[in-house]
Amino acid sequence: MDAFLAAALLLLVPGLAAAQGNVAMPRIAAQVDESTVTVLRGNLHPLARPQYDQGKVDPSFKLERITMMFQPTAAQQADLDGLLAAQQNPTSSTFHQWLTPEQYADRFGIAQSDLNKVTAWLTVTGI
């Protein structure tokens, strides 16, 4: 995998550890298996319409960037909702105590092991 893709992946994935000093719980239980594919609905860019389709892309075509987004767990979302409410509450001990990008990533991101599995899969597929 080229350095640009690795850097982009690190910037786009919202975290490497997690909530309040604890290590994020891994969510990917096994290596990515290309034989079991699930099509995700609702992830198509609005301009990707049939009238713009120009056919298959040459296999040698190199993608310049990929955006991958990982949904937070229910616990992470609840923690984030609570944090945002507390940051706006003048009586809260965390009122206006903003997180740095690194703190946000550590608290609300994915586990390093999950990031490693996704990176390994991208490397193997040549993306």
N, C-alpha and C. Protein backbone atom coordinates (compact mmCIF):
# COMPACT_ATOMS: atom_id res chain seq x y z
N MET A 1 0.86 -1.17 0.00
CA MET A 1 0.00 0.00 0.00
C MET A 1 0.90 1.23 0.00
N ASP A 2 0.56 2.20 -0.83
CA ASP A 2 1.42 3.37 -0.89
C ASP A 2 1.24 4.26 0.34
N ALA A 3 2.20 5.12 0.57
CA ALA A 3 2.20 5.96 1.78
C ALA A 3 1.01 6.91 1.81
N PHE A 4 0.59 7.40 0.65
CA PHE A 4 -0.54 8.32 0.61
C PHE A 4 -1.81 7.65 1.13
N LEU A 5 -2.08 6.42 0.67
CA LEU A 5 -3.27 5.72 1.12
C LEU A 5 -3.20 5.42 2.60
N ALA A 6 -2.02 5.03 3.08
CA ALA A 6 -1.87 4.76 4.51
C ALA A 6 -2.14 6.01 5.33
N ALA A 7 -1.61 7.14 4.89
CA ALA A 7 -1.83 8.39 5.61
C ALA A 7 -3.29 8.80 5.56
N ALA A 8 -3.92 8.64 4.40
CA ALA A 8 -5.33 8.99 4.27
C ALA A 8 -6.19 8.12 5.15
N LEU A 9 -5.87 6.83 5.21
CA LEU A 9 -6.63 5.92 6.05
C LEU A 9 -6.51 6.32 7.51
N LEU A 10 -5.33 6.69 7.94
CA LEU A 10 -5.15 7.10 9.32
C LEU A 10 -5.90 8.39 9.64
N LEU A 11 -5.98 9.28 8.66
CA LEU A 11 -6.71 10.53 8.88
C LEU A 11 -8.22 10.32 8.88
N LEU A 12 -8.68 9.38 8.07
CA LEU A 12 -10.11 9.19 7.92
C LEU A 12 -10.71 8.29 8.98
N VAL A 13 -9.95 7.38 9.48
CA VAL A 13 -10.46 6.50 10.52
C VAL A 13 -10.41 7.26 11.83
N PRO A 14 -11.53 7.41 12.49
CA PRO A 14 -11.58 8.29 13.63
C PRO A 14 -11.03 7.72 14.92
N GLY A 15 -9.98 6.96 14.89
CA GLY A 15 -9.37 6.62 16.17
C GLY A 15 -8.64 5.32 16.19
N LEU A 16 -7.78 5.19 17.15
CA LEU A 16 -6.98 4.00 17.27
C LEU A 16 -7.10 3.33 18.62
N ALA A 17 -7.45 4.00 19.64
CA ALA A 17 -7.66 3.37 20.95
C ALA A 17 -9.11 3.60 21.30
N ALA A 18 -9.47 3.94 22.54
CA ALA A 18 -10.86 4.33 22.77
C ALA A 18 -11.16 4.80 24.15
N ALA A 19 -12.43 4.72 24.43
CA ALA A 19 -13.11 5.45 25.48
C ALA A 19 -12.35 5.58 26.77
N GLN A 20 -12.11 6.82 27.12
CA GLN A 20 -11.61 7.25 28.41
C GLN A 20 -10.45 6.39 28.92
N GLY A 21 -9.45 6.21 28.10
CA GLY A 21 -8.26 5.51 28.53
C GLY A 21 -8.32 4.01 28.37
N ASN A 22 -9.49 3.45 28.08
CA ASN A 22 -9.60 2.02 27.87
C ASN A 22 -9.31 1.70 26.42
N VAL A 23 -8.82 0.51 26.17
CA VAL A 23 -8.55 0.10 24.80
C VAL A 23 -9.88 -0.22 24.13
N ALA A 24 -10.05 0.25 22.90
CA ALA A 24 -11.29 -0.01 22.17
C ALA A 24 -11.48 -1.50 21.99
N MET A 25 -12.71 -1.91 22.10
CA MET A 25 -13.03 -3.31 21.89
C MET A 25 -13.01 -3.60 20.39
N PRO A 26 -12.27 -4.61 19.98
CA PRO A 26 -12.25 -4.96 18.55
C PRO A 26 -13.64 -5.34 18.07
N ARG A 27 -13.95 -4.91 16.85
CA ARG A 27 -15.26 -5.23 16.26
C ARG A 27 -15.14 -6.20 15.11
N ILE A 28 -13.98 -6.28 14.49
CA ILE A 28 -13.78 -7.20 13.37
C ILE A 28 -13.21 -8.48 13.95
N ALA A 29 -14.03 -9.55 13.94
CA ALA A 29 -13.67 -10.79 14.63
C ALA A 29 -12.65 -11.64 13.87
N ALA A 30 -12.55 -11.46 12.57
CA ALA A 30 -11.65 -12.28 11.76
C ALA A 30 -11.06 -11.42 10.65
N GLN A 31 -10.12 -12.00 9.90
CA GLN A 31 -9.59 -11.31 8.74
C GLN A 31 -10.72 -11.09 7.74
N VAL A 32 -10.63 -10.06 6.94
CA VAL A 32 -11.65 -9.78 5.93
C VAL A 32 -11.65 -10.93 4.93
N ASP A 33 -12.83 -11.48 4.65
CA ASP A 33 -12.98 -12.62 3.75
C ASP A 33 -13.72 -12.17 2.50
N GLU A 34 -13.02 -12.15 1.39
CA GLU A 34 -13.60 -11.68 0.13
C GLU A 34 -14.73 -12.58 -0.37
N SER A 35 -14.81 -13.81 0.13
CA SER A 35 -15.87 -14.73 -0.34
C SER A 35 -17.21 -14.43 0.31
N THR A 36 -17.21 -13.65 1.37
CA THR A 36 -18.47 -13.26 2.01
C THR A 36 -18.60 -11.75 1.89
N VAL A 37 -19.33 -11.32 0.90
CA VAL A 37 -19.48 -9.90 0.60
C VAL A 37 -20.92 -9.48 0.93
N THR A 38 -21.05 -8.32 1.55
CA THR A 38 -22.35 -7.75 1.84
C THR A 38 -22.42 -6.39 1.15
N VAL A 39 -23.46 -6.20 0.37
CA VAL A 39 -23.65 -4.92 -0.30
C VAL A 39 -24.31 -3.97 0.69
N LEU A 40 -23.70 -2.83 0.91
CA LEU A 40 -24.27 -1.82 1.80
C LEU A 40 -25.12 -0.86 0.98
N ARG A 41 -26.36 -0.75 1.35
CA ARG A 41 -27.28 0.15 0.66
C ARG A 41 -27.11 1.57 1.20
N GLY A 42 -27.40 2.56 0.35
CA GLY A 42 -27.37 3.94 0.79
C GLY A 42 -25.98 4.55 0.83
N ASN A 43 -25.02 3.93 0.17
CA ASN A 43 -23.65 4.43 0.19
C ASN A 43 -23.18 4.86 -1.19
N LEU A 44 -24.11 5.27 -2.01
CA LEU A 44 -23.79 5.67 -3.37
C LEU A 44 -23.81 7.19 -3.48
N HIS A 45 -22.77 7.74 -4.06
CA HIS A 45 -22.71 9.18 -4.25
C HIS A 45 -23.89 9.62 -5.13
N PRO A 46 -24.52 10.75 -4.81
CA PRO A 46 -25.71 11.17 -5.58
C PRO A 46 -25.43 11.42 -7.06
N LEU A 47 -24.20 11.69 -7.42
CA LEU A 47 -23.89 11.91 -8.83
C LEU A 47 -23.54 10.62 -9.57
N ALA A 48 -23.49 9.50 -8.87
CA ALA A 48 -23.22 8.21 -9.50
C ALA A 48 -24.54 7.67 -10.04
N ARG A 49 -24.91 8.15 -11.23
CA ARG A 49 -26.18 7.78 -11.84
C ARG A 49 -25.93 7.05 -13.15
N PRO A 50 -26.89 6.24 -13.57
CA PRO A 50 -26.70 5.46 -14.80
C PRO A 50 -26.34 6.32 -16.01
N GLN A 51 -26.87 7.52 -16.11
CA GLN A 51 -26.58 8.34 -17.29
C GLN A 51 -25.12 8.77 -17.38
N TYR A 52 -24.39 8.68 -16.26
CA TYR A 52 -22.98 9.06 -16.25
C TYR A 52 -22.05 7.84 -16.38
N ASP A 53 -22.61 6.65 -16.39
CA ASP A 53 -21.81 5.42 -16.45
C ASP A 53 -21.09 5.33 -17.79
N GLN A 54 -19.77 5.17 -17.73
CA GLN A 54 -18.96 5.06 -18.93
C GLN A 54 -18.38 3.65 -19.09
N GLY A 55 -18.91 2.70 -18.34
CA GLY A 55 -18.47 1.32 -18.46
C GLY A 55 -17.41 0.97 -17.43
N LYS A 56 -16.88 -0.24 -17.58
CA LYS A 56 -15.88 -0.73 -16.62
C LYS A 56 -14.58 0.06 -16.74
N VAL A 57 -13.93 0.19 -15.61
CA VAL A 57 -12.64 0.88 -15.55
C VAL A 57 -11.54 -0.14 -15.80
N ASP A 58 -10.51 0.27 -16.49
CA ASP A 58 -9.36 -0.60 -16.72
C ASP A 58 -8.80 -1.08 -15.38
N PRO A 59 -8.47 -2.36 -15.26
CA PRO A 59 -7.95 -2.88 -13.99
C PRO A 59 -6.67 -2.19 -13.50
N SER A 60 -5.94 -1.55 -14.39
CA SER A 60 -4.71 -0.86 -13.98
C SER A 60 -4.99 0.54 -13.43
N PHE A 61 -6.25 0.97 -13.50
CA PHE A 61 -6.60 2.31 -13.00
C PHE A 61 -6.30 2.38 -11.51
N LYS A 62 -5.55 3.39 -11.11
CA LYS A 62 -5.15 3.56 -9.72
C LYS A 62 -6.07 4.58 -9.04
N LEU A 63 -6.69 4.16 -7.95
CA LEU A 63 -7.52 5.08 -7.17
C LEU A 63 -6.61 6.02 -6.40
N GLU A 64 -6.87 7.30 -6.48
CA GLU A 64 -6.05 8.28 -5.79
C GLU A 64 -6.38 8.39 -4.32
N ARG A 65 -7.62 8.12 -3.97
CA ARG A 65 -8.00 8.16 -2.55
C ARG A 65 -9.26 7.35 -2.34
N ILE A 66 -9.38 6.87 -1.13
CA ILE A 66 -10.54 6.10 -0.72
C ILE A 66 -11.00 6.67 0.62
N THR A 67 -12.29 6.81 0.79
CA THR A 67 -12.83 7.24 2.07
C THR A 67 -13.54 6.05 2.69
N MET A 68 -13.12 5.71 3.89
CA MET A 68 -13.79 4.64 4.63
C MET A 68 -14.25 5.24 5.95
N MET A 69 -15.51 5.01 6.25
CA MET A 69 -16.05 5.54 7.51
C MET A 69 -16.56 4.36 8.31
N PHE A 70 -16.31 4.40 9.60
CA PHE A 70 -16.72 3.33 10.50
C PHE A 70 -17.72 3.90 11.49
N GLN A 71 -18.86 3.26 11.58
CA GLN A 71 -19.91 3.72 12.49
C GLN A 71 -19.48 3.44 13.93
N PRO A 72 -19.71 4.39 14.83
CA PRO A 72 -19.39 4.13 16.23
C PRO A 72 -20.30 3.05 16.80
N THR A 73 -19.84 2.39 17.84
CA THR A 73 -20.70 1.43 18.53
C THR A 73 -21.81 2.20 19.23
N ALA A 74 -22.83 1.47 19.67
CA ALA A 74 -23.93 2.12 20.40
C ALA A 74 -23.40 2.76 21.68
N ALA A 75 -22.45 2.10 22.34
CA ALA A 75 -21.87 2.65 23.57
C ALA A 75 -21.08 3.92 23.27
N GLN A 76 -20.32 3.93 22.18
CA GLN A 76 -19.56 5.13 21.81
C GLN A 76 -20.51 6.27 21.47
N GLN A 77 -21.60 5.98 20.75
CA GLN A 77 -22.54 7.03 20.38
C GLN A 77 -23.21 7.61 21.62
N ALA A 78 -23.58 6.75 22.55
CA ALA A 78 -24.20 7.22 23.80
C ALA A 78 -23.20 8.07 24.59
N ASP A 79 -21.94 7.65 24.63
CA ASP A 79 -20.90 8.42 25.32
C ASP A 79 -20.72 9.78 24.66
N LEU A 80 -20.69 9.80 23.33
CA LEU A 80 -20.54 11.07 22.60
C LEU A 80 -21.73 11.99 22.85
N ASP A 81 -22.94 11.44 22.79
CA ASP A 81 -24.13 12.26 23.06
C ASP A 81 -24.07 12.86 24.45
N GLY A 82 -23.66 12.05 25.44
CA GLY A 82 -23.53 12.55 26.81
C GLY A 82 -22.46 13.62 26.94
N LEU A 83 -21.33 13.39 26.27
CA LEU A 83 -20.24 14.38 26.31
C LEU A 83 -20.69 15.71 25.72
N LEU A 84 -21.34 15.66 24.57
CA LEU A 84 -21.79 16.89 23.91
C LEU A 84 -22.79 17.65 24.79
N ALA A 85 -23.69 16.93 25.43
CA ALA A 85 -24.65 17.57 26.32
C ALA A 85 -23.93 18.20 27.51
N ALA A 86 -22.96 17.48 28.09
CA ALA A 86 -22.22 18.00 29.24
C ALA A 86 -21.38 19.22 28.87
N GLN A 87 -20.80 19.21 27.68
CA GLN A 87 -19.97 20.34 27.26
C GLN A 87 -20.80 21.61 27.09
N GLN A 88 -22.09 21.47 26.89
CA GLN A 88 -22.97 22.63 26.70
C GLN A 88 -23.72 23.01 27.98
N ASN A 89 -23.53 22.25 29.04
CA ASN A 89 -24.23 22.49 30.30
C ASN A 89 -23.33 23.27 31.25
N PRO A 90 -23.67 24.52 31.58
CA PRO A 90 -22.81 25.35 32.45
C PRO A 90 -22.57 24.75 33.84
N THR A 91 -23.41 23.84 34.28
CA THR A 91 -23.21 23.23 35.61
C THR A 91 -22.33 21.98 35.55
N SER A 92 -21.95 21.56 34.36
CA SER A 92 -21.15 20.34 34.20
C SER A 92 -19.67 20.62 34.43
N SER A 93 -18.96 19.64 34.96
CA SER A 93 -17.50 19.78 35.16
C SER A 93 -16.75 19.77 33.82
N THR A 94 -17.43 19.35 32.75
CA THR A 94 -16.79 19.35 31.43
C THR A 94 -17.33 20.46 30.52
N PHE A 95 -18.01 21.45 31.12
CA PHE A 95 -18.53 22.58 30.34
C PHE A 95 -17.41 23.26 29.57
N HIS A 96 -17.56 23.33 28.27
CA HIS A 96 -16.61 23.96 27.34
C HIS A 96 -15.20 23.37 27.42
N GLN A 97 -15.08 22.14 27.86
CA GLN A 97 -13.79 21.45 27.84
C GLN A 97 -13.76 20.59 26.59
N TRP A 98 -13.23 21.17 25.51
CA TRP A 98 -13.25 20.53 24.20
C TRP A 98 -12.17 19.47 24.11
N LEU A 99 -12.39 18.49 23.27
CA LEU A 99 -11.41 17.43 23.03
C LEU A 99 -10.50 17.82 21.87
N THR A 100 -9.26 17.40 21.94
CA THR A 100 -8.37 17.53 20.79
C THR A 100 -8.76 16.43 19.79
N PRO A 101 -8.33 16.55 18.56
CA PRO A 101 -8.61 15.46 17.61
C PRO A 101 -8.10 14.11 18.11
N GLU A 102 -6.95 14.11 18.75
CA GLU A 102 -6.38 12.87 19.26
C GLU A 102 -7.24 12.28 20.37
N GLN A 103 -7.73 13.13 21.28
CA GLN A 103 -8.60 12.66 22.36
C GLN A 103 -9.91 12.11 21.80
N TYR A 104 -10.44 12.80 20.80
CA TYR A 104 -11.67 12.32 20.17
C TYR A 104 -11.44 10.96 19.54
N ALA A 105 -10.35 10.82 18.82
CA ALA A 105 -10.03 9.55 18.16
C ALA A 105 -9.86 8.44 19.19
N ASP A 106 -9.15 8.71 20.25
CA ASP A 106 -8.93 7.70 21.29
C ASP A 106 -10.23 7.27 21.94
N ARG A 107 -11.13 8.19 22.10
CA ARG A 107 -12.37 7.90 22.83
C ARG A 107 -13.46 7.31 21.95
N PHE A 108 -13.53 7.74 20.69
CA PHE A 108 -14.65 7.36 19.85
C PHE A 108 -14.26 6.60 18.58
N GLY A 109 -13.00 6.21 18.46
CA GLY A 109 -12.53 5.54 17.26
C GLY A 109 -12.63 4.03 17.30
N ILE A 110 -11.93 3.40 16.37
CA ILE A 110 -11.92 1.94 16.30
C ILE A 110 -10.63 1.42 16.92
N ALA A 111 -10.62 0.15 17.26
CA ALA A 111 -9.46 -0.48 17.88
C ALA A 111 -8.32 -0.58 16.87
N GLN A 112 -7.11 -0.52 17.37
CA GLN A 112 -5.94 -0.66 16.50
C GLN A 112 -5.97 -1.99 15.75
N SER A 113 -6.44 -3.05 16.41
CA SER A 113 -6.50 -4.36 15.74
C SER A 113 -7.46 -4.32 14.55
N ASP A 114 -8.56 -3.58 14.67
CA ASP A 114 -9.49 -3.43 13.54
C ASP A 114 -8.84 -2.65 12.41
N LEU A 115 -8.15 -1.59 12.75
CA LEU A 115 -7.45 -0.82 11.74
C LEU A 115 -6.40 -1.67 11.03
N ASN A 116 -5.70 -2.51 11.79
CA ASN A 116 -4.69 -3.40 11.20
C ASN A 116 -5.33 -4.37 10.22
N LYS A 117 -6.50 -4.92 10.56
CA LYS A 117 -7.18 -5.87 9.67
C LYS A 117 -7.63 -5.19 8.38
N VAL A 118 -8.18 -3.99 8.50
CA VAL A 118 -8.62 -3.26 7.30
C VAL A 118 -7.41 -2.91 6.43
N THR A 119 -6.33 -2.46 7.06
CA THR A 119 -5.12 -2.12 6.31
C THR A 119 -4.55 -3.34 5.61
N ALA A 120 -4.52 -4.49 6.31
CA ALA A 120 -4.02 -5.73 5.70
C ALA A 120 -4.88 -6.12 4.50
N TRP A 121 -6.19 -6.00 4.64
CA TRP A 121 -7.08 -6.33 3.53
C TRP A 121 -6.84 -5.40 2.34
N LEU A 122 -6.71 -4.11 2.59
CA LEU A 122 -6.43 -3.17 1.50
C LEU A 122 -5.11 -3.48 0.82
N THR A 123 -4.12 -3.86 1.61
CA THR A 123 -2.79 -4.20 1.06
C THR A 123 -2.86 -5.42 0.18
N VAL A 124 -3.54 -6.46 0.65
CA VAL A 124 -3.66 -7.72 -0.11
C VAL A 124 -4.41 -7.50 -1.41
N THR A 125 -5.46 -6.67 -1.38
CA THR A 125 -6.24 -6.45 -2.58
C THR A 125 -5.57 -5.48 -3.55
N GLY A 126 -4.50 -4.86 -3.12
CA GLY A 126 -3.76 -3.95 -4.00
C GLY A 126 -4.37 -2.57 -4.08
N ILE A 127 -5.25 -2.26 -3.17
CA ILE A 127 -5.88 -0.93 -3.18
C ILE A 127 -4.94 0.06 -2.53
